[in-house]
Structures are given as C-alpha cells and as structure tokens.
C-alpha cells in the first residue's frame, strides 16, 4: 500500500529522532527507504520548511521526497495530492497526527494512520519484512543431489 507522509510530523513521533537534529530529514528518509524496501511499500514524503540539506537529498525508487515552499505547508500538499488521486485515494494511507489532515484523508476515502502508530510500525524489528528476510537454508552437495533426484523422479512419474 502506498503512503502519503507528513515528514516533520513523523520525525516528532520517531524514537531517537528530534526536529532539532540538523540531519533529521535525511535520517527519516533513510529509515523510510529501508522500511519501504522490506515492505515493498511506496512512500511520498512531504516536508515543509526544508532544511539546508534539502537540495542535496534525492528521492529513491520507493520514497519520493517533496519540500514544500512557504506559504504552503506539507498539510496543504497532502490534501492537494489526495484531490489529484481522486478515487485512487482509497488505495493510499495518510500518515499524520494532524486532525485536519486525517479528516481530509477519510473524506477522500484514504486510510488514516497517526504518526505515533506508524513510528511504532516501522521501528518494530522486521516490520513488513517477515517473508522477505528469511534466510535461505545452507544445503550441502549431498542434500542438493538428493533433492534434484527427488524432483527428477517426480517428473518421470508424472510423464509415465
């Protein structure tokens, strides 16, 4: 499921992060990129009052970053994005603790998740990656040969 996220709102809810940190946007971007790769989510991230690092930050394949210029805010940009989505908004989740943004998400038919709940979701070890990160078992040459023989026998049995 794709997400529309108010970046600064989420930073304030993230354990170990602070809006006072000089590199808070970059840190959030890295965490969200990791989460998105493991959960296969697509994320559109909005920041207002971009930092000095903003021009150097680049979107990734799964996380698109937008720095909103004054007088608009990230909240305004999220509401406009929901309007552009139209009926497709029902496929999206909006992450914000702002009640007006949550109401706009519900009005558009999107899911709404507050920033604290999403912060817990992405901070949980293995969140969204239970199936993707299972290690492959180490098989020795004898085990591989045994499996290959089993599959050859099954194929032969079916063709008879």
C-alpha atoms as a PDB file:
ATOM      1  CA  UNK A   1       0.000   0.000   0.000  1.00  0.00           C
ATOM      2  CA  UNK A   2       1.333   3.470  -0.831  1.00  0.00           C
ATOM      3  CA  UNK A   3       1.708   6.118   1.863  1.00  0.00           C
ATOM      4  CA  UNK A   4       1.469   9.914   1.946  1.00  0.00           C
ATOM      5  CA  UNK A   5       3.509  11.091   4.933  1.00  0.00           C
ATOM      6  CA  UNK A   6       3.931  14.410   6.712  1.00  0.00           C
ATOM      7  CA  UNK A   7       7.675  14.157   7.332  1.00  0.00           C
ATOM      8  CA  UNK A   8       8.165  16.620  10.180  1.00  0.00           C
ATOM      9  CA  UNK A   9       5.102  15.258  11.946  1.00  0.00           C
ATOM     10  CA  UNK A  10       6.580  11.756  11.755  1.00  0.00           C
ATOM     11  CA  UNK A  11      10.036  12.893  12.914  1.00  0.00           C
ATOM     12  CA  UNK A  12       8.459  14.277  16.088  1.00  0.00           C
ATOM     13  CA  UNK A  13       6.948  10.838  16.759  1.00  0.00           C
ATOM     14  CA  UNK A  14      10.046   8.751  15.971  1.00  0.00           C
ATOM     15  CA  UNK A  15      12.004   7.340  18.923  1.00  0.00           C
ATOM     16  CA  UNK A  16      15.557   8.666  18.955  1.00  0.00           C
ATOM     17  CA  UNK A  17      14.814  11.481  16.499  1.00  0.00           C
ATOM     18  CA  UNK A  18      14.192  15.166  17.072  1.00  0.00           C
ATOM     19  CA  UNK A  19      13.153  18.077  14.885  1.00  0.00           C
ATOM     20  CA  UNK A  20      16.145  19.901  16.416  1.00  0.00           C
ATOM     21  CA  UNK A  21      18.587  17.465  14.756  1.00  0.00           C
ATOM     22  CA  UNK A  22      20.449  19.035  11.845  1.00  0.00           C
ATOM     23  CA  UNK A  23      20.007  15.962   9.651  1.00  0.00           C
ATOM     24  CA  UNK A  24      16.537  14.862  10.768  1.00  0.00           C
ATOM     25  CA  UNK A  25      15.060  14.780   7.250  1.00  0.00           C
ATOM     26  CA  UNK A  26      17.902  12.643   5.875  1.00  0.00           C
ATOM     27  CA  UNK A  27      17.701  10.239   8.838  1.00  0.00           C
ATOM     28  CA  UNK A  28      13.950   9.838   8.338  1.00  0.00           C
ATOM     29  CA  UNK A  29      14.435   9.321   4.607  1.00  0.00           C
ATOM     30  CA  UNK A  30      16.952   6.527   5.268  1.00  0.00           C
ATOM     31  CA  UNK A  31      14.647   4.799   7.755  1.00  0.00           C
ATOM     32  CA  UNK A  32      11.673   5.057   5.422  1.00  0.00           C
ATOM     33  CA  UNK A  33      13.709   3.820   2.472  1.00  0.00           C
ATOM     34  CA  UNK A  34      14.752   0.756   4.489  1.00  0.00           C
ATOM     35  CA  UNK A  35      11.152   0.150   5.558  1.00  0.00           C
ATOM     36  CA  UNK A  36       9.843   0.619   2.014  1.00  0.00           C
ATOM     37  CA  UNK A  37      12.351  -1.816   0.513  1.00  0.00           C
ATOM     38  CA  UNK A  38      11.468  -4.533   3.030  1.00  0.00           C
ATOM     39  CA  UNK A  39       7.716  -3.982   2.988  1.00  0.00           C
ATOM     40  CA  UNK A  40       7.595  -3.183  -0.739  1.00  0.00           C
ATOM     41  CA  UNK A  41       5.679  -0.002   0.076  1.00  0.00           C
ATOM     42  CA  UNK A  42       5.751   3.181  -1.956  1.00  0.00           C
ATOM     43  CA  UNK A  43       6.067   6.373   0.063  1.00  0.00           C
ATOM     44  CA  UNK A  44       5.513  10.014  -0.852  1.00  0.00           C
ATOM     45  CA  UNK A  45       7.095  12.172   1.823  1.00  0.00           C
ATOM     46  CA  UNK A  46       6.287  15.861   2.288  1.00  0.00           C
ATOM     47  CA  UNK A  47       8.351  18.321   4.327  1.00  0.00           C
ATOM     48  CA  UNK A  48       7.605  21.961   4.957  1.00  0.00           C
ATOM     49  CA  UNK A  49      10.321  24.449   5.839  1.00  0.00           C
ATOM     50  CA  UNK A  50      13.022  22.391   4.139  1.00  0.00           C
ATOM     51  CA  UNK A  51      16.476  22.233   5.699  1.00  0.00           C
ATOM     52  CA  UNK A  52      19.773  23.315   4.189  1.00  0.00           C
ATOM     53  CA  UNK A  53      20.308  19.660   3.228  1.00  0.00           C
ATOM     54  CA  UNK A  54      17.093  19.616   1.219  1.00  0.00           C
ATOM     55  CA  UNK A  55      18.633  20.345  -2.190  1.00  0.00           C
ATOM     56  CA  UNK A  56      21.151  17.521  -1.653  1.00  0.00           C
ATOM     57  CA  UNK A  57      18.527  14.911  -0.725  1.00  0.00           C
ATOM     58  CA  UNK A  58      17.299  12.732  -3.545  1.00  0.00           C
ATOM     59  CA  UNK A  59      14.269  10.526  -3.801  1.00  0.00           C
ATOM     60  CA  UNK A  60      14.828   6.790  -4.013  1.00  0.00           C
ATOM     61  CA  UNK A  61      12.987   4.181  -6.047  1.00  0.00           C
ATOM     62  CA  UNK A  62      10.440   3.686  -3.258  1.00  0.00           C
ATOM     63  CA  UNK A  63      10.471   7.040  -1.411  1.00  0.00           C
ATOM     64  CA  UNK A  64       9.670  10.285  -3.218  1.00  0.00           C
ATOM     65  CA  UNK A  65      10.577  13.465  -1.334  1.00  0.00           C
ATOM     66  CA  UNK A  66       8.881  16.843  -1.745  1.00  0.00           C
ATOM     67  CA  UNK A  67       9.961  20.004   0.087  1.00  0.00           C
ATOM     68  CA  UNK A  68       7.008  22.377   0.220  1.00  0.00           C
ATOM     69  CA  UNK A  69       7.807  26.069  -0.030  1.00  0.00           C
ATOM     70  CA  UNK A  70       6.094  28.713   2.089  1.00  0.00           C
ATOM     71  CA  UNK A  71       3.410  29.879   2.244  1.00  0.00           C
ATOM     72  CA  UNK A  72       2.135  26.328   1.554  1.00  0.00           C
ATOM     73  CA  UNK A  73       2.637  23.571   4.106  1.00  0.00           C
ATOM     74  CA  UNK A  74       3.092  19.808   3.931  1.00  0.00           C
ATOM     75  CA  UNK A  75      -0.519  19.536   5.118  1.00  0.00           C
ATOM     76  CA  UNK A  76      -1.659  21.604   2.111  1.00  0.00           C
ATOM     77  CA  UNK A  77       0.423  19.460  -0.245  1.00  0.00           C
ATOM     78  CA  UNK A  78      -1.006  16.222   1.177  1.00  0.00           C
ATOM     79  CA  UNK A  79      -4.575  17.499   0.777  1.00  0.00           C
ATOM     80  CA  UNK A  80      -3.817  18.541  -2.829  1.00  0.00           C
ATOM     81  CA  UNK A  81      -2.241  15.133  -3.522  1.00  0.00           C
ATOM     82  CA  UNK A  82      -5.381  13.407  -2.215  1.00  0.00           C
ATOM     83  CA  UNK A  83      -7.522  15.541  -4.538  1.00  0.00           C
ATOM     84  CA  UNK A  84      -5.341  14.611  -7.537  1.00  0.00           C
ATOM     85  CA  UNK A  85      -5.674  10.933  -6.646  1.00  0.00           C
ATOM     86  CA  UNK A  86      -9.462  11.067  -6.843  1.00  0.00           C
ATOM     87  CA  UNK A  87     -10.905   7.563  -6.450  1.00  0.00           C
ATOM     88  CA  UNK A  88      -7.394   6.097  -6.246  1.00  0.00           C
ATOM     89  CA  UNK A  89      -7.079   7.697  -2.791  1.00  0.00           C
ATOM     90  CA  UNK A  90      -8.822   4.601  -1.416  1.00  0.00           C
ATOM     91  CA  UNK A  91      -5.587   2.683  -2.091  1.00  0.00           C
ATOM     92  CA  UNK A  92      -3.441   5.067  -0.013  1.00  0.00           C
ATOM     93  CA  UNK A  93      -2.676   5.569   3.678  1.00  0.00           C
ATOM     94  CA  UNK A  94      -2.036   9.073   5.001  1.00  0.00           C
ATOM     95  CA  UNK A  95       0.376   9.288   7.943  1.00  0.00           C
ATOM     96  CA  UNK A  96      -0.140  12.406  10.047  1.00  0.00           C
ATOM     97  CA  UNK A  97      -1.229  13.269  13.561  1.00  0.00           C
ATOM     98  CA  UNK A  98      -2.882  16.459  12.338  1.00  0.00           C
ATOM     99  CA  UNK A  99      -6.637  16.006  12.774  1.00  0.00           C
ATOM    100  CA  UNK A 100      -7.497  18.138   9.739  1.00  0.00           C
ATOM    101  CA  UNK A 101      -5.222  16.052   7.509  1.00  0.00           C
ATOM    102  CA  UNK A 102      -6.704  12.848   8.948  1.00  0.00           C
ATOM    103  CA  UNK A 103     -10.202  14.176   8.209  1.00  0.00           C
ATOM    104  CA  UNK A 104      -9.177  15.074   4.644  1.00  0.00           C
ATOM    105  CA  UNK A 105      -7.804  11.540   4.193  1.00  0.00           C
ATOM    106  CA  UNK A 106     -11.039   9.956   5.388  1.00  0.00           C
ATOM    107  CA  UNK A 107     -13.099  12.342   3.228  1.00  0.00           C
ATOM    108  CA  UNK A 108     -11.038  11.300   0.182  1.00  0.00           C
ATOM    109  CA  UNK A 109     -11.548   7.624   1.046  1.00  0.00           C
ATOM    110  CA  UNK A 110      -7.929   7.017   2.113  1.00  0.00           C
ATOM    111  CA  UNK A 111      -6.840   5.270   5.295  1.00  0.00           C
ATOM    112  CA  UNK A 112      -5.502   7.467   8.057  1.00  0.00           C
ATOM    113  CA  UNK A 113      -2.766   6.470  10.490  1.00  0.00           C
ATOM    114  CA  UNK A 114      -1.365   8.749  13.149  1.00  0.00           C
ATOM    115  CA  UNK A 115       2.365   9.329  13.208  1.00  0.00           C
ATOM    116  CA  UNK A 116       2.927   7.602  16.550  1.00  0.00           C
ATOM    117  CA  UNK A 117       1.295   4.383  15.318  1.00  0.00           C
ATOM    118  CA  UNK A 118       3.319   4.440  12.094  1.00  0.00           C
ATOM    119  CA  UNK A 119       6.540   5.152  14.035  1.00  0.00           C
ATOM    120  CA  UNK A 120       5.900   2.024  16.100  1.00  0.00           C
ATOM    121  CA  UNK A 121       5.147   0.059  12.939  1.00  0.00           C
ATOM    122  CA  UNK A 122       8.425   0.966  11.238  1.00  0.00           C
ATOM    123  CA  UNK A 123      10.508   0.735  14.431  1.00  0.00           C
ATOM    124  CA  UNK A 124       9.415  -2.845  15.119  1.00  0.00           C
ATOM    125  CA  UNK A 125      12.276  -5.159  14.149  1.00  0.00           C
ATOM    126  CA  UNK A 126      11.356  -6.967  10.972  1.00  0.00           C
ATOM    127  CA  UNK A 127       8.287  -4.807  10.365  1.00  0.00           C
ATOM    128  CA  UNK A 128       6.982  -5.548   6.909  1.00  0.00           C
ATOM    129  CA  UNK A 129       9.793  -7.943   6.138  1.00  0.00           C
ATOM    130  CA  UNK A 130       8.802 -11.225   7.763  1.00  0.00           C
ATOM    131  CA  UNK A 131       8.664 -13.116   4.487  1.00  0.00           C
ATOM    132  CA  UNK A 132      11.328 -11.176   2.635  1.00  0.00           C
ATOM    133  CA  UNK A 133      14.187 -11.570   5.082  1.00  0.00           C
ATOM    134  CA  UNK A 134      14.012 -15.301   5.796  1.00  0.00           C
ATOM    135  CA  UNK A 135      17.486 -16.701   5.247  1.00  0.00           C
ATOM    136  CA  UNK A 136      17.921 -19.462   2.748  1.00  0.00           C
ATOM    137  CA  UNK A 137      18.990 -22.717   4.397  1.00  0.00           C
ATOM    138  CA  UNK A 138      22.513 -23.894   3.686  1.00  0.00           C
ATOM    139  CA  UNK A 139      22.415 -27.171   1.789  1.00  0.00           C
ATOM    140  CA  UNK A 140      25.388 -29.375   1.273  1.00  0.00           C
ATOM    141  CA  UNK A 141      26.177 -31.022  -2.091  1.00  0.00           C
ATOM    142  CA  UNK A 142      24.654 -34.328  -0.961  1.00  0.00           C
ATOM    143  CA  UNK A 143      21.377 -32.664   0.048  1.00  0.00           C
ATOM    144  CA  UNK A 144      21.189 -30.788  -3.238  1.00  0.00           C
ATOM    145  CA  UNK A 145      21.744 -34.019  -5.175  1.00  0.00           C
ATOM    146  CA  UNK A 146      19.040 -35.771  -3.118  1.00  0.00           C
ATOM    147  CA  UNK A 147      16.512 -33.011  -3.858  1.00  0.00           C
ATOM    148  CA  UNK A 148      17.406 -32.987  -7.552  1.00  0.00           C
ATOM    149  CA  UNK A 149      16.951 -36.755  -7.681  1.00  0.00           C
ATOM    150  CA  UNK A 150      13.575 -36.472  -5.941  1.00  0.00           C
ATOM    151  CA  UNK A 151      12.370 -33.870  -8.448  1.00  0.00           C
ATOM    152  CA  UNK A 152      13.663 -35.907 -11.395  1.00  0.00           C
ATOM    153  CA  UNK A 153      11.762 -38.964 -10.073  1.00  0.00           C
ATOM    154  CA  UNK A 154       8.561 -36.960  -9.616  1.00  0.00           C
ATOM    155  CA  UNK A 155       8.835 -35.566 -13.141  1.00  0.00           C
ATOM    156  CA  UNK A 156       9.427 -39.065 -14.515  1.00  0.00           C
ATOM    157  CA  UNK A 157       6.455 -40.471 -12.551  1.00  0.00           C
ATOM    158  CA  UNK A 158       4.112 -37.770 -13.942  1.00  0.00           C
ATOM    159  CA  UNK A 159       5.151 -38.378 -17.546  1.00  0.00           C
ATOM    160  CA  UNK A 160       4.539 -42.145 -17.321  1.00  0.00           C
END
